[in-house]
Amino acid sequence: GLLLAGSTGCAAAPSIRVVVEGTGT
């Protein structure tokens, strides 16, 4: 029961990346 609950109920934390790029300032 614990294995089934753990494998279906919890989503992994997202990997978030913010990038600002270009030739400007």
PDBML (XML) file of the C-alpha atoms, coordinates in Angstrom:
<?xml version="1.0" encoding="UTF-8" ?>
<PDBx:datablock datablockName="MODEL"
   xmlns:PDBx="http://pdbml.pdb.org/schema/pdbx-v50.xsd"
   xmlns:xsi="http://www.w3.org/2001/XMLSchema-instance"
   xsi:schemaLocation="http://pdbml.pdb.org/schema/pdbx-v50.xsd pdbx-v50.xsd">
   <PDBx:atom_siteCategory>
      <PDBx:atom_site id="1">
         <PDBx:B_iso_or_equiv>0.00</PDBx:B_iso_or_equiv>
         <PDBx:Cartn_x>0.000</PDBx:Cartn_x>
         <PDBx:Cartn_y>0.000</PDBx:Cartn_y>
         <PDBx:Cartn_z>0.000</PDBx:Cartn_z>
         <PDBx:auth_asym_id>A</PDBx:auth_asym_id>
         <PDBx:auth_atom_id>CA</PDBx:auth_atom_id>
         <PDBx:auth_comp_id>GLY</PDBx:auth_comp_id>
         <PDBx:auth_seq_id>1</PDBx:auth_seq_id>
         <PDBx:group_PDB>ATOM</PDBx:group_PDB>
         <PDBx:label_alt_id xsi:nil="true" />
         <PDBx:label_asym_id>A</PDBx:label_asym_id>
         <PDBx:label_atom_id>CA</PDBx:label_atom_id>
         <PDBx:label_comp_id>GLY</PDBx:label_comp_id>
         <PDBx:label_entity_id>1</PDBx:label_entity_id>
         <PDBx:label_seq_id>1</PDBx:label_seq_id>
         <PDBx:occupancy>1.00</PDBx:occupancy>
         <PDBx:pdbx_PDB_model_num>1</PDBx:pdbx_PDB_model_num>
         <PDBx:type_symbol>C</PDBx:type_symbol>
      </PDBx:atom_site>
      <PDBx:atom_site id="2">
         <PDBx:B_iso_or_equiv>0.00</PDBx:B_iso_or_equiv>
         <PDBx:Cartn_x>2.781</PDBx:Cartn_x>
         <PDBx:Cartn_y>2.437</PDBx:Cartn_y>
         <PDBx:Cartn_z>0.849</PDBx:Cartn_z>
         <PDBx:auth_asym_id>A</PDBx:auth_asym_id>
         <PDBx:auth_atom_id>CA</PDBx:auth_atom_id>
         <PDBx:auth_comp_id>LEU</PDBx:auth_comp_id>
         <PDBx:auth_seq_id>2</PDBx:auth_seq_id>
         <PDBx:group_PDB>ATOM</PDBx:group_PDB>
         <PDBx:label_alt_id xsi:nil="true" />
         <PDBx:label_asym_id>A</PDBx:label_asym_id>
         <PDBx:label_atom_id>CA</PDBx:label_atom_id>
         <PDBx:label_comp_id>LEU</PDBx:label_comp_id>
         <PDBx:label_entity_id>1</PDBx:label_entity_id>
         <PDBx:label_seq_id>2</PDBx:label_seq_id>
         <PDBx:occupancy>1.00</PDBx:occupancy>
         <PDBx:pdbx_PDB_model_num>1</PDBx:pdbx_PDB_model_num>
         <PDBx:type_symbol>C</PDBx:type_symbol>
      </PDBx:atom_site>
      <PDBx:atom_site id="3">
         <PDBx:B_iso_or_equiv>0.00</PDBx:B_iso_or_equiv>
         <PDBx:Cartn_x>4.683</PDBx:Cartn_x>
         <PDBx:Cartn_y>1.652</PDBx:Cartn_y>
         <PDBx:Cartn_z>-2.344</PDBx:Cartn_z>
         <PDBx:auth_asym_id>A</PDBx:auth_asym_id>
         <PDBx:auth_atom_id>CA</PDBx:auth_atom_id>
         <PDBx:auth_comp_id>LEU</PDBx:auth_comp_id>
         <PDBx:auth_seq_id>3</PDBx:auth_seq_id>
         <PDBx:group_PDB>ATOM</PDBx:group_PDB>
         <PDBx:label_alt_id xsi:nil="true" />
         <PDBx:label_asym_id>A</PDBx:label_asym_id>
         <PDBx:label_atom_id>CA</PDBx:label_atom_id>
         <PDBx:label_comp_id>LEU</PDBx:label_comp_id>
         <PDBx:label_entity_id>1</PDBx:label_entity_id>
         <PDBx:label_seq_id>3</PDBx:label_seq_id>
         <PDBx:occupancy>1.00</PDBx:occupancy>
         <PDBx:pdbx_PDB_model_num>1</PDBx:pdbx_PDB_model_num>
         <PDBx:type_symbol>C</PDBx:type_symbol>
      </PDBx:atom_site>
      <PDBx:atom_site id="4">
         <PDBx:B_iso_or_equiv>0.00</PDBx:B_iso_or_equiv>
         <PDBx:Cartn_x>1.589</PDBx:Cartn_x>
         <PDBx:Cartn_y>2.190</PDBx:Cartn_y>
         <PDBx:Cartn_z>-4.492</PDBx:Cartn_z>
         <PDBx:auth_asym_id>A</PDBx:auth_asym_id>
         <PDBx:auth_atom_id>CA</PDBx:auth_atom_id>
         <PDBx:auth_comp_id>LEU</PDBx:auth_comp_id>
         <PDBx:auth_seq_id>4</PDBx:auth_seq_id>
         <PDBx:group_PDB>ATOM</PDBx:group_PDB>
         <PDBx:label_alt_id xsi:nil="true" />
         <PDBx:label_asym_id>A</PDBx:label_asym_id>
         <PDBx:label_atom_id>CA</PDBx:label_atom_id>
         <PDBx:label_comp_id>LEU</PDBx:label_comp_id>
         <PDBx:label_entity_id>1</PDBx:label_entity_id>
         <PDBx:label_seq_id>4</PDBx:label_seq_id>
         <PDBx:occupancy>1.00</PDBx:occupancy>
         <PDBx:pdbx_PDB_model_num>1</PDBx:pdbx_PDB_model_num>
         <PDBx:type_symbol>C</PDBx:type_symbol>
      </PDBx:atom_site>
      <PDBx:atom_site id="5">
         <PDBx:B_iso_or_equiv>0.00</PDBx:B_iso_or_equiv>
         <PDBx:Cartn_x>0.704</PDBx:Cartn_x>
         <PDBx:Cartn_y>5.460</PDBx:Cartn_y>
         <PDBx:Cartn_z>-2.758</PDBx:Cartn_z>
         <PDBx:auth_asym_id>A</PDBx:auth_asym_id>
         <PDBx:auth_atom_id>CA</PDBx:auth_atom_id>
         <PDBx:auth_comp_id>ALA</PDBx:auth_comp_id>
         <PDBx:auth_seq_id>5</PDBx:auth_seq_id>
         <PDBx:group_PDB>ATOM</PDBx:group_PDB>
         <PDBx:label_alt_id xsi:nil="true" />
         <PDBx:label_asym_id>A</PDBx:label_asym_id>
         <PDBx:label_atom_id>CA</PDBx:label_atom_id>
         <PDBx:label_comp_id>ALA</PDBx:label_comp_id>
         <PDBx:label_entity_id>1</PDBx:label_entity_id>
         <PDBx:label_seq_id>5</PDBx:label_seq_id>
         <PDBx:occupancy>1.00</PDBx:occupancy>
         <PDBx:pdbx_PDB_model_num>1</PDBx:pdbx_PDB_model_num>
         <PDBx:type_symbol>C</PDBx:type_symbol>
      </PDBx:atom_site>
      <PDBx:atom_site id="6">
         <PDBx:B_iso_or_equiv>0.00</PDBx:B_iso_or_equiv>
         <PDBx:Cartn_x>4.239</PDBx:Cartn_x>
         <PDBx:Cartn_y>6.765</PDBx:Cartn_y>
         <PDBx:Cartn_z>-3.104</PDBx:Cartn_z>
         <PDBx:auth_asym_id>A</PDBx:auth_asym_id>
         <PDBx:auth_atom_id>CA</PDBx:auth_atom_id>
         <PDBx:auth_comp_id>GLY</PDBx:auth_comp_id>
         <PDBx:auth_seq_id>6</PDBx:auth_seq_id>
         <PDBx:group_PDB>ATOM</PDBx:group_PDB>
         <PDBx:label_alt_id xsi:nil="true" />
         <PDBx:label_asym_id>A</PDBx:label_asym_id>
         <PDBx:label_atom_id>CA</PDBx:label_atom_id>
         <PDBx:label_comp_id>GLY</PDBx:label_comp_id>
         <PDBx:label_entity_id>1</PDBx:label_entity_id>
         <PDBx:label_seq_id>6</PDBx:label_seq_id>
         <PDBx:occupancy>1.00</PDBx:occupancy>
         <PDBx:pdbx_PDB_model_num>1</PDBx:pdbx_PDB_model_num>
         <PDBx:type_symbol>C</PDBx:type_symbol>
      </PDBx:atom_site>
      <PDBx:atom_site id="7">
         <PDBx:B_iso_or_equiv>0.00</PDBx:B_iso_or_equiv>
         <PDBx:Cartn_x>4.538</PDBx:Cartn_x>
         <PDBx:Cartn_y>5.904</PDBx:Cartn_y>
         <PDBx:Cartn_z>-6.775</PDBx:Cartn_z>
         <PDBx:auth_asym_id>A</PDBx:auth_asym_id>
         <PDBx:auth_atom_id>CA</PDBx:auth_atom_id>
         <PDBx:auth_comp_id>SER</PDBx:auth_comp_id>
         <PDBx:auth_seq_id>7</PDBx:auth_seq_id>
         <PDBx:group_PDB>ATOM</PDBx:group_PDB>
         <PDBx:label_alt_id xsi:nil="true" />
         <PDBx:label_asym_id>A</PDBx:label_asym_id>
         <PDBx:label_atom_id>CA</PDBx:label_atom_id>
         <PDBx:label_comp_id>SER</PDBx:label_comp_id>
         <PDBx:label_entity_id>1</PDBx:label_entity_id>
         <PDBx:label_seq_id>7</PDBx:label_seq_id>
         <PDBx:occupancy>1.00</PDBx:occupancy>
         <PDBx:pdbx_PDB_model_num>1</PDBx:pdbx_PDB_model_num>
         <PDBx:type_symbol>C</PDBx:type_symbol>
      </PDBx:atom_site>
      <PDBx:atom_site id="8">
         <PDBx:B_iso_or_equiv>0.00</PDBx:B_iso_or_equiv>
         <PDBx:Cartn_x>1.257</PDBx:Cartn_x>
         <PDBx:Cartn_y>7.452</PDBx:Cartn_y>
         <PDBx:Cartn_z>-7.938</PDBx:Cartn_z>
         <PDBx:auth_asym_id>A</PDBx:auth_asym_id>
         <PDBx:auth_atom_id>CA</PDBx:auth_atom_id>
         <PDBx:auth_comp_id>THR</PDBx:auth_comp_id>
         <PDBx:auth_seq_id>8</PDBx:auth_seq_id>
         <PDBx:group_PDB>ATOM</PDBx:group_PDB>
         <PDBx:label_alt_id xsi:nil="true" />
         <PDBx:label_asym_id>A</PDBx:label_asym_id>
         <PDBx:label_atom_id>CA</PDBx:label_atom_id>
         <PDBx:label_comp_id>THR</PDBx:label_comp_id>
         <PDBx:label_entity_id>1</PDBx:label_entity_id>
         <PDBx:label_seq_id>8</PDBx:label_seq_id>
         <PDBx:occupancy>1.00</PDBx:occupancy>
         <PDBx:pdbx_PDB_model_num>1</PDBx:pdbx_PDB_model_num>
         <PDBx:type_symbol>C</PDBx:type_symbol>
      </PDBx:atom_site>
      <PDBx:atom_site id="9">
         <PDBx:B_iso_or_equiv>0.00</PDBx:B_iso_or_equiv>
         <PDBx:Cartn_x>0.541</PDBx:Cartn_x>
         <PDBx:Cartn_y>10.383</PDBx:Cartn_y>
         <PDBx:Cartn_z>-5.652</PDBx:Cartn_z>
         <PDBx:auth_asym_id>A</PDBx:auth_asym_id>
         <PDBx:auth_atom_id>CA</PDBx:auth_atom_id>
         <PDBx:auth_comp_id>GLY</PDBx:auth_comp_id>
         <PDBx:auth_seq_id>9</PDBx:auth_seq_id>
         <PDBx:group_PDB>ATOM</PDBx:group_PDB>
         <PDBx:label_alt_id xsi:nil="true" />
         <PDBx:label_asym_id>A</PDBx:label_asym_id>
         <PDBx:label_atom_id>CA</PDBx:label_atom_id>
         <PDBx:label_comp_id>GLY</PDBx:label_comp_id>
         <PDBx:label_entity_id>1</PDBx:label_entity_id>
         <PDBx:label_seq_id>9</PDBx:label_seq_id>
         <PDBx:occupancy>1.00</PDBx:occupancy>
         <PDBx:pdbx_PDB_model_num>1</PDBx:pdbx_PDB_model_num>
         <PDBx:type_symbol>C</PDBx:type_symbol>
      </PDBx:atom_site>
      <PDBx:atom_site id="10">
         <PDBx:B_iso_or_equiv>0.00</PDBx:B_iso_or_equiv>
         <PDBx:Cartn_x>3.696</PDBx:Cartn_x>
         <PDBx:Cartn_y>12.482</PDBx:Cartn_y>
         <PDBx:Cartn_z>-5.676</PDBx:Cartn_z>
         <PDBx:auth_asym_id>A</PDBx:auth_asym_id>
         <PDBx:auth_atom_id>CA</PDBx:auth_atom_id>
         <PDBx:auth_comp_id>CYS</PDBx:auth_comp_id>
         <PDBx:auth_seq_id>10</PDBx:auth_seq_id>
         <PDBx:group_PDB>ATOM</PDBx:group_PDB>
         <PDBx:label_alt_id xsi:nil="true" />
         <PDBx:label_asym_id>A</PDBx:label_asym_id>
         <PDBx:label_atom_id>CA</PDBx:label_atom_id>
         <PDBx:label_comp_id>CYS</PDBx:label_comp_id>
         <PDBx:label_entity_id>1</PDBx:label_entity_id>
         <PDBx:label_seq_id>10</PDBx:label_seq_id>
         <PDBx:occupancy>1.00</PDBx:occupancy>
         <PDBx:pdbx_PDB_model_num>1</PDBx:pdbx_PDB_model_num>
         <PDBx:type_symbol>C</PDBx:type_symbol>
      </PDBx:atom_site>
      <PDBx:atom_site id="11">
         <PDBx:B_iso_or_equiv>0.00</PDBx:B_iso_or_equiv>
         <PDBx:Cartn_x>4.974</PDBx:Cartn_x>
         <PDBx:Cartn_y>14.448</PDBx:Cartn_y>
         <PDBx:Cartn_z>-8.643</PDBx:Cartn_z>
         <PDBx:auth_asym_id>A</PDBx:auth_asym_id>
         <PDBx:auth_atom_id>CA</PDBx:auth_atom_id>
         <PDBx:auth_comp_id>ALA</PDBx:auth_comp_id>
         <PDBx:auth_seq_id>11</PDBx:auth_seq_id>
         <PDBx:group_PDB>ATOM</PDBx:group_PDB>
         <PDBx:label_alt_id xsi:nil="true" />
         <PDBx:label_asym_id>A</PDBx:label_asym_id>
         <PDBx:label_atom_id>CA</PDBx:label_atom_id>
         <PDBx:label_comp_id>ALA</PDBx:label_comp_id>
         <PDBx:label_entity_id>1</PDBx:label_entity_id>
         <PDBx:label_seq_id>11</PDBx:label_seq_id>
         <PDBx:occupancy>1.00</PDBx:occupancy>
         <PDBx:pdbx_PDB_model_num>1</PDBx:pdbx_PDB_model_num>
         <PDBx:type_symbol>C</PDBx:type_symbol>
      </PDBx:atom_site>
      <PDBx:atom_site id="12">
         <PDBx:B_iso_or_equiv>0.00</PDBx:B_iso_or_equiv>
         <PDBx:Cartn_x>8.637</PDBx:Cartn_x>
         <PDBx:Cartn_y>15.303</PDBx:Cartn_y>
         <PDBx:Cartn_z>-8.934</PDBx:Cartn_z>
         <PDBx:auth_asym_id>A</PDBx:auth_asym_id>
         <PDBx:auth_atom_id>CA</PDBx:auth_atom_id>
         <PDBx:auth_comp_id>ALA</PDBx:auth_comp_id>
         <PDBx:auth_seq_id>12</PDBx:auth_seq_id>
         <PDBx:group_PDB>ATOM</PDBx:group_PDB>
         <PDBx:label_alt_id xsi:nil="true" />
         <PDBx:label_asym_id>A</PDBx:label_asym_id>
         <PDBx:label_atom_id>CA</PDBx:label_atom_id>
         <PDBx:label_comp_id>ALA</PDBx:label_comp_id>
         <PDBx:label_entity_id>1</PDBx:label_entity_id>
         <PDBx:label_seq_id>12</PDBx:label_seq_id>
         <PDBx:occupancy>1.00</PDBx:occupancy>
         <PDBx:pdbx_PDB_model_num>1</PDBx:pdbx_PDB_model_num>
         <PDBx:type_symbol>C</PDBx:type_symbol>
      </PDBx:atom_site>
      <PDBx:atom_site id="13">
         <PDBx:B_iso_or_equiv>0.00</PDBx:B_iso_or_equiv>
         <PDBx:Cartn_x>9.693</PDBx:Cartn_x>
         <PDBx:Cartn_y>18.922</PDBx:Cartn_y>
         <PDBx:Cartn_z>-8.408</PDBx:Cartn_z>
         <PDBx:auth_asym_id>A</PDBx:auth_asym_id>
         <PDBx:auth_atom_id>CA</PDBx:auth_atom_id>
         <PDBx:auth_comp_id>ALA</PDBx:auth_comp_id>
         <PDBx:auth_seq_id>13</PDBx:auth_seq_id>
         <PDBx:group_PDB>ATOM</PDBx:group_PDB>
         <PDBx:label_alt_id xsi:nil="true" />
         <PDBx:label_asym_id>A</PDBx:label_asym_id>
         <PDBx:label_atom_id>CA</PDBx:label_atom_id>
         <PDBx:label_comp_id>ALA</PDBx:label_comp_id>
         <PDBx:label_entity_id>1</PDBx:label_entity_id>
         <PDBx:label_seq_id>13</PDBx:label_seq_id>
         <PDBx:occupancy>1.00</PDBx:occupancy>
         <PDBx:pdbx_PDB_model_num>1</PDBx:pdbx_PDB_model_num>
         <PDBx:type_symbol>C</PDBx:type_symbol>
      </PDBx:atom_site>
      <PDBx:atom_site id="14">
         <PDBx:B_iso_or_equiv>0.00</PDBx:B_iso_or_equiv>
         <PDBx:Cartn_x>9.935</PDBx:Cartn_x>
         <PDBx:Cartn_y>20.807</PDBx:Cartn_y>
         <PDBx:Cartn_z>-11.700</PDBx:Cartn_z>
         <PDBx:auth_asym_id>A</PDBx:auth_asym_id>
         <PDBx:auth_atom_id>CA</PDBx:auth_atom_id>
         <PDBx:auth_comp_id>PRO</PDBx:auth_comp_id>
         <PDBx:auth_seq_id>14</PDBx:auth_seq_id>
         <PDBx:group_PDB>ATOM</PDBx:group_PDB>
         <PDBx:label_alt_id xsi:nil="true" />
         <PDBx:label_asym_id>A</PDBx:label_asym_id>
         <PDBx:label_atom_id>CA</PDBx:label_atom_id>
         <PDBx:label_comp_id>PRO</PDBx:label_comp_id>
         <PDBx:label_entity_id>1</PDBx:label_entity_id>
         <PDBx:label_seq_id>14</PDBx:label_seq_id>
         <PDBx:occupancy>1.00</PDBx:occupancy>
         <PDBx:pdbx_PDB_model_num>1</PDBx:pdbx_PDB_model_num>
         <PDBx:type_symbol>C</PDBx:type_symbol>
      </PDBx:atom_site>
      <PDBx:atom_site id="15">
         <PDBx:B_iso_or_equiv>0.00</PDBx:B_iso_or_equiv>
         <PDBx:Cartn_x>13.247</PDBx:Cartn_x>
         <PDBx:Cartn_y>21.998</PDBx:Cartn_y>
         <PDBx:Cartn_z>-13.106</PDBx:Cartn_z>
         <PDBx:auth_asym_id>A</PDBx:auth_asym_id>
         <PDBx:auth_atom_id>CA</PDBx:auth_atom_id>
         <PDBx:auth_comp_id>SER</PDBx:auth_comp_id>
         <PDBx:auth_seq_id>15</PDBx:auth_seq_id>
         <PDBx:group_PDB>ATOM</PDBx:group_PDB>
         <PDBx:label_alt_id xsi:nil="true" />
         <PDBx:label_asym_id>A</PDBx:label_asym_id>
         <PDBx:label_atom_id>CA</PDBx:label_atom_id>
         <PDBx:label_comp_id>SER</PDBx:label_comp_id>
         <PDBx:label_entity_id>1</PDBx:label_entity_id>
         <PDBx:label_seq_id>15</PDBx:label_seq_id>
         <PDBx:occupancy>1.00</PDBx:occupancy>
         <PDBx:pdbx_PDB_model_num>1</PDBx:pdbx_PDB_model_num>
         <PDBx:type_symbol>C</PDBx:type_symbol>
      </PDBx:atom_site>
      <PDBx:atom_site id="16">
         <PDBx:B_iso_or_equiv>0.00</PDBx:B_iso_or_equiv>
         <PDBx:Cartn_x>12.739</PDBx:Cartn_x>
         <PDBx:Cartn_y>25.711</PDBx:Cartn_y>
         <PDBx:Cartn_z>-13.884</PDBx:Cartn_z>
         <PDBx:auth_asym_id>A</PDBx:auth_asym_id>
         <PDBx:auth_atom_id>CA</PDBx:auth_atom_id>
         <PDBx:auth_comp_id>ILE</PDBx:auth_comp_id>
         <PDBx:auth_seq_id>16</PDBx:auth_seq_id>
         <PDBx:group_PDB>ATOM</PDBx:group_PDB>
         <PDBx:label_alt_id xsi:nil="true" />
         <PDBx:label_asym_id>A</PDBx:label_asym_id>
         <PDBx:label_atom_id>CA</PDBx:label_atom_id>
         <PDBx:label_comp_id>ILE</PDBx:label_comp_id>
         <PDBx:label_entity_id>1</PDBx:label_entity_id>
         <PDBx:label_seq_id>16</PDBx:label_seq_id>
         <PDBx:occupancy>1.00</PDBx:occupancy>
         <PDBx:pdbx_PDB_model_num>1</PDBx:pdbx_PDB_model_num>
         <PDBx:type_symbol>C</PDBx:type_symbol>
      </PDBx:atom_site>
      <PDBx:atom_site id="17">
         <PDBx:B_iso_or_equiv>0.00</PDBx:B_iso_or_equiv>
         <PDBx:Cartn_x>15.247</PDBx:Cartn_x>
         <PDBx:Cartn_y>27.787</PDBx:Cartn_y>
         <PDBx:Cartn_z>-15.798</PDBx:Cartn_z>
         <PDBx:auth_asym_id>A</PDBx:auth_asym_id>
         <PDBx:auth_atom_id>CA</PDBx:auth_atom_id>
         <PDBx:auth_comp_id>ARG</PDBx:auth_comp_id>
         <PDBx:auth_seq_id>17</PDBx:auth_seq_id>
         <PDBx:group_PDB>ATOM</PDBx:group_PDB>
         <PDBx:label_alt_id xsi:nil="true" />
         <PDBx:label_asym_id>A</PDBx:label_asym_id>
         <PDBx:label_atom_id>CA</PDBx:label_atom_id>
         <PDBx:label_comp_id>ARG</PDBx:label_comp_id>
         <PDBx:label_entity_id>1</PDBx:label_entity_id>
         <PDBx:label_seq_id>17</PDBx:label_seq_id>
         <PDBx:occupancy>1.00</PDBx:occupancy>
         <PDBx:pdbx_PDB_model_num>1</PDBx:pdbx_PDB_model_num>
         <PDBx:type_symbol>C</PDBx:type_symbol>
      </PDBx:atom_site>
      <PDBx:atom_site id="18">
         <PDBx:B_iso_or_equiv>0.00</PDBx:B_iso_or_equiv>
         <PDBx:Cartn_x>14.978</PDBx:Cartn_x>
         <PDBx:Cartn_y>31.475</PDBx:Cartn_y>
         <PDBx:Cartn_z>-16.739</PDBx:Cartn_z>
         <PDBx:auth_asym_id>A</PDBx:auth_asym_id>
         <PDBx:auth_atom_id>CA</PDBx:auth_atom_id>
         <PDBx:auth_comp_id>VAL</PDBx:auth_comp_id>
         <PDBx:auth_seq_id>18</PDBx:auth_seq_id>
         <PDBx:group_PDB>ATOM</PDBx:group_PDB>
         <PDBx:label_alt_id xsi:nil="true" />
         <PDBx:label_asym_id>A</PDBx:label_asym_id>
         <PDBx:label_atom_id>CA</PDBx:label_atom_id>
         <PDBx:label_comp_id>VAL</PDBx:label_comp_id>
         <PDBx:label_entity_id>1</PDBx:label_entity_id>
         <PDBx:label_seq_id>18</PDBx:label_seq_id>
         <PDBx:occupancy>1.00</PDBx:occupancy>
         <PDBx:pdbx_PDB_model_num>1</PDBx:pdbx_PDB_model_num>
         <PDBx:type_symbol>C</PDBx:type_symbol>
      </PDBx:atom_site>
      <PDBx:atom_site id="19">
         <PDBx:B_iso_or_equiv>0.00</PDBx:B_iso_or_equiv>
         <PDBx:Cartn_x>17.362</PDBx:Cartn_x>
         <PDBx:Cartn_y>32.767</PDBx:Cartn_y>
         <PDBx:Cartn_z>-19.404</PDBx:Cartn_z>
         <PDBx:auth_asym_id>A</PDBx:auth_asym_id>
         <PDBx:auth_atom_id>CA</PDBx:auth_atom_id>
         <PDBx:auth_comp_id>VAL</PDBx:auth_comp_id>
         <PDBx:auth_seq_id>19</PDBx:auth_seq_id>
         <PDBx:group_PDB>ATOM</PDBx:group_PDB>
         <PDBx:label_alt_id xsi:nil="true" />
         <PDBx:label_asym_id>A</PDBx:label_asym_id>
         <PDBx:label_atom_id>CA</PDBx:label_atom_id>
         <PDBx:label_comp_id>VAL</PDBx:label_comp_id>
         <PDBx:label_entity_id>1</PDBx:label_entity_id>
         <PDBx:label_seq_id>19</PDBx:label_seq_id>
         <PDBx:occupancy>1.00</PDBx:occupancy>
         <PDBx:pdbx_PDB_model_num>1</PDBx:pdbx_PDB_model_num>
         <PDBx:type_symbol>C</PDBx:type_symbol>
      </PDBx:atom_site>
      <PDBx:atom_site id="20">
         <PDBx:B_iso_or_equiv>0.00</PDBx:B_iso_or_equiv>
         <PDBx:Cartn_x>17.784</PDBx:Cartn_x>
         <PDBx:Cartn_y>36.310</PDBx:Cartn_y>
         <PDBx:Cartn_z>-20.741</PDBx:Cartn_z>
         <PDBx:auth_asym_id>A</PDBx:auth_asym_id>
         <PDBx:auth_atom_id>CA</PDBx:auth_atom_id>
         <PDBx:auth_comp_id>VAL</PDBx:auth_comp_id>
         <PDBx:auth_seq_id>20</PDBx:auth_seq_id>
         <PDBx:group_PDB>ATOM</PDBx:group_PDB>
         <PDBx:label_alt_id xsi:nil="true" />
         <PDBx:label_asym_id>A</PDBx:label_asym_id>
         <PDBx:label_atom_id>CA</PDBx:label_atom_id>
         <PDBx:label_comp_id>VAL</PDBx:label_comp_id>
         <PDBx:label_entity_id>1</PDBx:label_entity_id>
         <PDBx:label_seq_id>20</PDBx:label_seq_id>
         <PDBx:occupancy>1.00</PDBx:occupancy>
         <PDBx:pdbx_PDB_model_num>1</PDBx:pdbx_PDB_model_num>
         <PDBx:type_symbol>C</PDBx:type_symbol>
      </PDBx:atom_site>
      <PDBx:atom_site id="21">
         <PDBx:B_iso_or_equiv>0.00</PDBx:B_iso_or_equiv>
         <PDBx:Cartn_x>20.157</PDBx:Cartn_x>
         <PDBx:Cartn_y>36.561</PDBx:Cartn_y>
         <PDBx:Cartn_z>-23.664</PDBx:Cartn_z>
         <PDBx:auth_asym_id>A</PDBx:auth_asym_id>
         <PDBx:auth_atom_id>CA</PDBx:auth_atom_id>
         <PDBx:auth_comp_id>GLU</PDBx:auth_comp_id>
         <PDBx:auth_seq_id>21</PDBx:auth_seq_id>
         <PDBx:group_PDB>ATOM</PDBx:group_PDB>
         <PDBx:label_alt_id xsi:nil="true" />
         <PDBx:label_asym_id>A</PDBx:label_asym_id>
         <PDBx:label_atom_id>CA</PDBx:label_atom_id>
         <PDBx:label_comp_id>GLU</PDBx:label_comp_id>
         <PDBx:label_entity_id>1</PDBx:label_entity_id>
         <PDBx:label_seq_id>21</PDBx:label_seq_id>
         <PDBx:occupancy>1.00</PDBx:occupancy>
         <PDBx:pdbx_PDB_model_num>1</PDBx:pdbx_PDB_model_num>
         <PDBx:type_symbol>C</PDBx:type_symbol>
      </PDBx:atom_site>
      <PDBx:atom_site id="22">
         <PDBx:B_iso_or_equiv>0.00</PDBx:B_iso_or_equiv>
         <PDBx:Cartn_x>20.937</PDBx:Cartn_x>
         <PDBx:Cartn_y>38.625</PDBx:Cartn_y>
         <PDBx:Cartn_z>-26.721</PDBx:Cartn_z>
         <PDBx:auth_asym_id>A</PDBx:auth_asym_id>
         <PDBx:auth_atom_id>CA</PDBx:auth_atom_id>
         <PDBx:auth_comp_id>GLY</PDBx:auth_comp_id>
         <PDBx:auth_seq_id>22</PDBx:auth_seq_id>
         <PDBx:group_PDB>ATOM</PDBx:group_PDB>
         <PDBx:label_alt_id xsi:nil="true" />
         <PDBx:label_asym_id>A</PDBx:label_asym_id>
         <PDBx:label_atom_id>CA</PDBx:label_atom_id>
         <PDBx:label_comp_id>GLY</PDBx:label_comp_id>
         <PDBx:label_entity_id>1</PDBx:label_entity_id>
         <PDBx:label_seq_id>22</PDBx:label_seq_id>
         <PDBx:occupancy>1.00</PDBx:occupancy>
         <PDBx:pdbx_PDB_model_num>1</PDBx:pdbx_PDB_model_num>
         <PDBx:type_symbol>C</PDBx:type_symbol>
      </PDBx:atom_site>
      <PDBx:atom_site id="23">
         <PDBx:B_iso_or_equiv>0.00</PDBx:B_iso_or_equiv>
         <PDBx:Cartn_x>23.157</PDBx:Cartn_x>
         <PDBx:Cartn_y>41.412</PDBx:Cartn_y>
         <PDBx:Cartn_z>-27.953</PDBx:Cartn_z>
         <PDBx:auth_asym_id>A</PDBx:auth_asym_id>
         <PDBx:auth_atom_id>CA</PDBx:auth_atom_id>
         <PDBx:auth_comp_id>THR</PDBx:auth_comp_id>
         <PDBx:auth_seq_id>23</PDBx:auth_seq_id>
         <PDBx:group_PDB>ATOM</PDBx:group_PDB>
         <PDBx:label_alt_id xsi:nil="true" />
         <PDBx:label_asym_id>A</PDBx:label_asym_id>
         <PDBx:label_atom_id>CA</PDBx:label_atom_id>
         <PDBx:label_comp_id>THR</PDBx:label_comp_id>
         <PDBx:label_entity_id>1</PDBx:label_entity_id>
         <PDBx:label_seq_id>23</PDBx:label_seq_id>
         <PDBx:occupancy>1.00</PDBx:occupancy>
         <PDBx:pdbx_PDB_model_num>1</PDBx:pdbx_PDB_model_num>
         <PDBx:type_symbol>C</PDBx:type_symbol>
      </PDBx:atom_site>
      <PDBx:atom_site id="24">
         <PDBx:B_iso_or_equiv>0.00</PDBx:B_iso_or_equiv>
         <PDBx:Cartn_x>21.610</PDBx:Cartn_x>
         <PDBx:Cartn_y>44.068</PDBx:Cartn_y>
         <PDBx:Cartn_z>-25.714</PDBx:Cartn_z>
         <PDBx:auth_asym_id>A</PDBx:auth_asym_id>
         <PDBx:auth_atom_id>CA</PDBx:auth_atom_id>
         <PDBx:auth_comp_id>GLY</PDBx:auth_comp_id>
         <PDBx:auth_seq_id>24</PDBx:auth_seq_id>
         <PDBx:group_PDB>ATOM</PDBx:group_PDB>
         <PDBx:label_alt_id xsi:nil="true" />
         <PDBx:label_asym_id>A</PDBx:label_asym_id>
         <PDBx:label_atom_id>CA</PDBx:label_atom_id>
         <PDBx:label_comp_id>GLY</PDBx:label_comp_id>
         <PDBx:label_entity_id>1</PDBx:label_entity_id>
         <PDBx:label_seq_id>24</PDBx:label_seq_id>
         <PDBx:occupancy>1.00</PDBx:occupancy>
         <PDBx:pdbx_PDB_model_num>1</PDBx:pdbx_PDB_model_num>
         <PDBx:type_symbol>C</PDBx:type_symbol>
      </PDBx:atom_site>
      <PDBx:atom_site id="25">
         <PDBx:B_iso_or_equiv>0.00</PDBx:B_iso_or_equiv>
         <PDBx:Cartn_x>21.786</PDBx:Cartn_x>
         <PDBx:Cartn_y>45.296</PDBx:Cartn_y>
         <PDBx:Cartn_z>-22.146</PDBx:Cartn_z>
         <PDBx:auth_asym_id>A</PDBx:auth_asym_id>
         <PDBx:auth_atom_id>CA</PDBx:auth_atom_id>
         <PDBx:auth_comp_id>THR</PDBx:auth_comp_id>
         <PDBx:auth_seq_id>25</PDBx:auth_seq_id>
         <PDBx:group_PDB>ATOM</PDBx:group_PDB>
         <PDBx:label_alt_id xsi:nil="true" />
         <PDBx:label_asym_id>A</PDBx:label_asym_id>
         <PDBx:label_atom_id>CA</PDBx:label_atom_id>
         <PDBx:label_comp_id>THR</PDBx:label_comp_id>
         <PDBx:label_entity_id>1</PDBx:label_entity_id>
         <PDBx:label_seq_id>25</PDBx:label_seq_id>
         <PDBx:occupancy>1.00</PDBx:occupancy>
         <PDBx:pdbx_PDB_model_num>1</PDBx:pdbx_PDB_model_num>
         <PDBx:type_symbol>C</PDBx:type_symbol>
      </PDBx:atom_site>
   </PDBx:atom_siteCategory>
</PDBx:datablock>
